[in-house]
Structures are given as structure tokens and as C-alpha cells.
Amino acid sequence: MSNKKNTSKDKNNLDNNKEIKELLKENNNKEEIAEEISHNKKIADILGNRLANKNFFPPC
């Protein structure tokens, strides 16, 4: 049960990222968000780390 609480805290910490919030406020549709990610290395790194932590990528 405590593991579940830790997981939700980690998720909240990731969701509270200022850069991601600004990205979502400034862009209205998926195409604009994708374009911004491709141009902004900091946001791309943040999202890449999130995907890697959630095991969406197969292990090498």
C-alpha cells in the first residue's frame, strides 16, 4: 500500500514540471505540441526520460 502512495507522489512530481505545463498552455493541438517538442531539447529530454522510466522502450 505504501508503494502505491510513493508511485502517486512520483507521478505528481513529474506532472508538476514547469516546462511541460507551459508547453500545454501555449499549444492547443497535438501537431503544435509535437513541433514544440522537436524544437525544444529540454522538453524533449524530459519527455524522453518519462517514457524511459515507464518502460515503453524495450531493454537493449
N, C-alpha and C. Protein backbone atom coordinates (compact mmCIF):
# COMPACT_ATOMS: atom_id res chain seq x y z
N MET A 1 0.82 -1.19 0.00
CA MET A 1 0.00 0.00 0.00
C MET A 1 0.87 1.25 0.00
N SER A 2 1.94 1.25 0.77
CA SER A 2 2.83 2.42 0.79
C SER A 2 3.53 2.58 -0.55
N ASN A 3 3.77 1.47 -1.26
CA ASN A 3 4.38 1.54 -2.59
C ASN A 3 3.47 2.30 -3.55
N LYS A 4 2.17 2.09 -3.41
CA LYS A 4 1.20 2.78 -4.25
C LYS A 4 1.25 4.28 -3.98
N LYS A 5 1.40 4.68 -2.72
CA LYS A 5 1.48 6.09 -2.36
C LYS A 5 2.74 6.72 -2.95
N ASN A 6 3.85 6.01 -2.89
CA ASN A 6 5.10 6.53 -3.45
C ASN A 6 4.98 6.72 -4.95
N THR A 7 4.32 5.81 -5.61
CA THR A 7 4.14 5.91 -7.06
C THR A 7 3.32 7.13 -7.41
N SER A 8 2.26 7.39 -6.66
CA SER A 8 1.43 8.56 -6.95
C SER A 8 2.19 9.85 -6.67
N LYS A 9 3.05 9.87 -5.66
CA LYS A 9 3.86 11.06 -5.37
C LYS A 9 4.84 11.31 -6.51
N ASP A 10 5.47 10.25 -7.02
CA ASP A 10 6.40 10.40 -8.13
C ASP A 10 5.68 10.94 -9.36
N LYS A 11 4.49 10.43 -9.62
CA LYS A 11 3.73 10.88 -10.78
C LYS A 11 3.37 12.36 -10.63
N ASN A 12 2.98 12.78 -9.43
CA ASN A 12 2.66 14.18 -9.21
C ASN A 12 3.89 15.06 -9.40
N ASN A 13 5.04 14.60 -8.96
CA ASN A 13 6.27 15.38 -9.16
C ASN A 13 6.58 15.56 -10.63
N LEU A 14 6.38 14.51 -11.43
CA LEU A 14 6.62 14.62 -12.86
C LEU A 14 5.62 15.57 -13.52
N ASP A 15 4.38 15.51 -13.08
CA ASP A 15 3.34 16.34 -13.68
C ASP A 15 3.46 17.80 -13.29
N ASN A 16 4.21 18.09 -12.25
CA ASN A 16 4.36 19.47 -11.80
C ASN A 16 5.52 20.18 -12.49
N ASN A 17 6.04 19.62 -13.54
CA ASN A 17 7.17 20.21 -14.24
C ASN A 17 6.74 21.49 -14.96
N LYS A 18 7.43 22.59 -14.69
CA LYS A 18 7.06 23.91 -15.23
C LYS A 18 7.10 23.94 -16.75
N GLU A 19 8.12 23.35 -17.35
CA GLU A 19 8.25 23.39 -18.80
C GLU A 19 7.09 22.69 -19.50
N ILE A 20 6.68 21.57 -18.95
CA ILE A 20 5.57 20.82 -19.56
C ILE A 20 4.27 21.59 -19.42
N LYS A 21 4.05 22.21 -18.26
CA LYS A 21 2.83 23.00 -18.07
C LYS A 21 2.78 24.15 -19.06
N GLU A 22 3.91 24.84 -19.24
CA GLU A 22 3.96 25.94 -20.20
C GLU A 22 3.69 25.45 -21.62
N LEU A 23 4.27 24.31 -21.96
CA LEU A 23 4.06 23.73 -23.29
C LEU A 23 2.58 23.47 -23.54
N LEU A 24 1.90 22.90 -22.56
CA LEU A 24 0.49 22.57 -22.73
C LEU A 24 -0.39 23.82 -22.77
N LYS A 25 0.00 24.86 -22.05
CA LYS A 25 -0.78 26.10 -22.06
C LYS A 25 -0.64 26.84 -23.39
N GLU A 26 0.57 26.83 -23.95
CA GLU A 26 0.84 27.61 -25.16
C GLU A 26 0.33 26.94 -26.43
N ASN A 27 0.21 25.63 -26.44
CA ASN A 27 -0.15 24.90 -27.66
C ASN A 27 -1.49 24.20 -27.49
N ASN A 28 -2.31 24.31 -28.52
CA ASN A 28 -3.68 23.81 -28.43
C ASN A 28 -3.88 22.41 -28.99
N ASN A 29 -3.12 22.03 -30.01
CA ASN A 29 -3.37 20.72 -30.61
C ASN A 29 -2.11 19.87 -30.64
N LYS A 30 -2.27 18.62 -31.02
CA LYS A 30 -1.16 17.66 -30.99
C LYS A 30 -0.03 18.06 -31.91
N GLU A 31 -0.36 18.62 -33.06
CA GLU A 31 0.67 19.00 -34.03
C GLU A 31 1.57 20.11 -33.48
N GLU A 32 0.96 21.09 -32.81
CA GLU A 32 1.74 22.18 -32.23
C GLU A 32 2.64 21.67 -31.11
N ILE A 33 2.11 20.77 -30.29
CA ILE A 33 2.90 20.21 -29.20
C ILE A 33 4.07 19.39 -29.76
N ALA A 34 3.82 18.58 -30.78
CA ALA A 34 4.88 17.77 -31.39
C ALA A 34 5.95 18.66 -32.00
N GLU A 35 5.55 19.74 -32.65
CA GLU A 35 6.52 20.65 -33.25
C GLU A 35 7.37 21.32 -32.17
N GLU A 36 6.75 21.72 -31.08
CA GLU A 36 7.49 22.36 -29.99
C GLU A 36 8.48 21.38 -29.37
N ILE A 37 8.08 20.13 -29.20
CA ILE A 37 8.97 19.12 -28.64
C ILE A 37 10.17 18.91 -29.55
N SER A 38 9.94 18.89 -30.85
CA SER A 38 11.04 18.66 -31.79
C SER A 38 12.02 19.84 -31.83
N HIS A 39 11.57 21.02 -31.45
CA HIS A 39 12.44 22.20 -31.48
C HIS A 39 13.07 22.51 -30.13
N ASN A 40 12.51 21.98 -29.04
CA ASN A 40 12.98 22.32 -27.71
C ASN A 40 13.63 21.09 -27.07
N LYS A 41 14.96 21.12 -26.96
CA LYS A 41 15.71 19.97 -26.46
C LYS A 41 15.37 19.67 -25.00
N LYS A 42 15.17 20.69 -24.18
CA LYS A 42 14.90 20.48 -22.77
C LYS A 42 13.59 19.69 -22.58
N ILE A 43 12.56 20.09 -23.30
CA ILE A 43 11.28 19.40 -23.20
C ILE A 43 11.39 17.99 -23.77
N ALA A 44 12.13 17.84 -24.85
CA ALA A 44 12.32 16.51 -25.45
C ALA A 44 13.03 15.58 -24.47
N ASP A 45 14.02 16.09 -23.75
CA ASP A 45 14.73 15.27 -22.76
C ASP A 45 13.81 14.86 -21.61
N ILE A 46 12.98 15.80 -21.15
CA ILE A 46 12.05 15.49 -20.06
C ILE A 46 11.09 14.39 -20.48
N LEU A 47 10.51 14.53 -21.66
CA LEU A 47 9.55 13.52 -22.13
C LEU A 47 10.24 12.19 -22.41
N GLY A 48 11.46 12.23 -22.93
CA GLY A 48 12.21 11.00 -23.16
C GLY A 48 12.48 10.25 -21.87
N ASN A 49 12.83 10.99 -20.82
CA ASN A 49 13.06 10.37 -19.51
C ASN A 49 11.78 9.76 -18.96
N ARG A 50 10.67 10.45 -19.14
CA ARG A 50 9.38 9.90 -18.67
C ARG A 50 9.05 8.60 -19.37
N LEU A 51 9.23 8.57 -20.69
CA LEU A 51 8.94 7.35 -21.44
C LEU A 51 9.88 6.22 -21.04
N ALA A 52 11.15 6.53 -20.84
CA ALA A 52 12.12 5.51 -20.46
C ALA A 52 11.79 4.95 -19.07
N ASN A 53 11.35 5.80 -18.16
CA ASN A 53 11.01 5.35 -16.81
C ASN A 53 9.75 4.49 -16.80
N LYS A 54 8.87 4.69 -17.74
CA LYS A 54 7.63 3.90 -17.78
C LYS A 54 7.81 2.63 -18.60
N ASN A 55 9.02 2.34 -19.04
CA ASN A 55 9.34 1.11 -19.77
C ASN A 55 8.59 0.97 -21.08
N PHE A 56 8.40 2.07 -21.79
CA PHE A 56 7.82 2.00 -23.12
C PHE A 56 8.85 1.55 -24.15
N PHE A 57 10.13 1.64 -23.79
CA PHE A 57 11.19 1.22 -24.70
C PHE A 57 11.69 -0.15 -24.27
N PRO A 58 11.92 -1.06 -25.20
CA PRO A 58 12.43 -2.38 -24.82
C PRO A 58 13.87 -2.28 -24.33
N PRO A 59 14.24 -3.13 -23.38
CA PRO A 59 15.63 -3.11 -22.90
C PRO A 59 16.59 -3.58 -23.99
N CYS A 60 17.76 -3.03 -23.99
CA CYS A 60 18.76 -3.38 -25.01
C CYS A 60 19.48 -4.65 -24.64
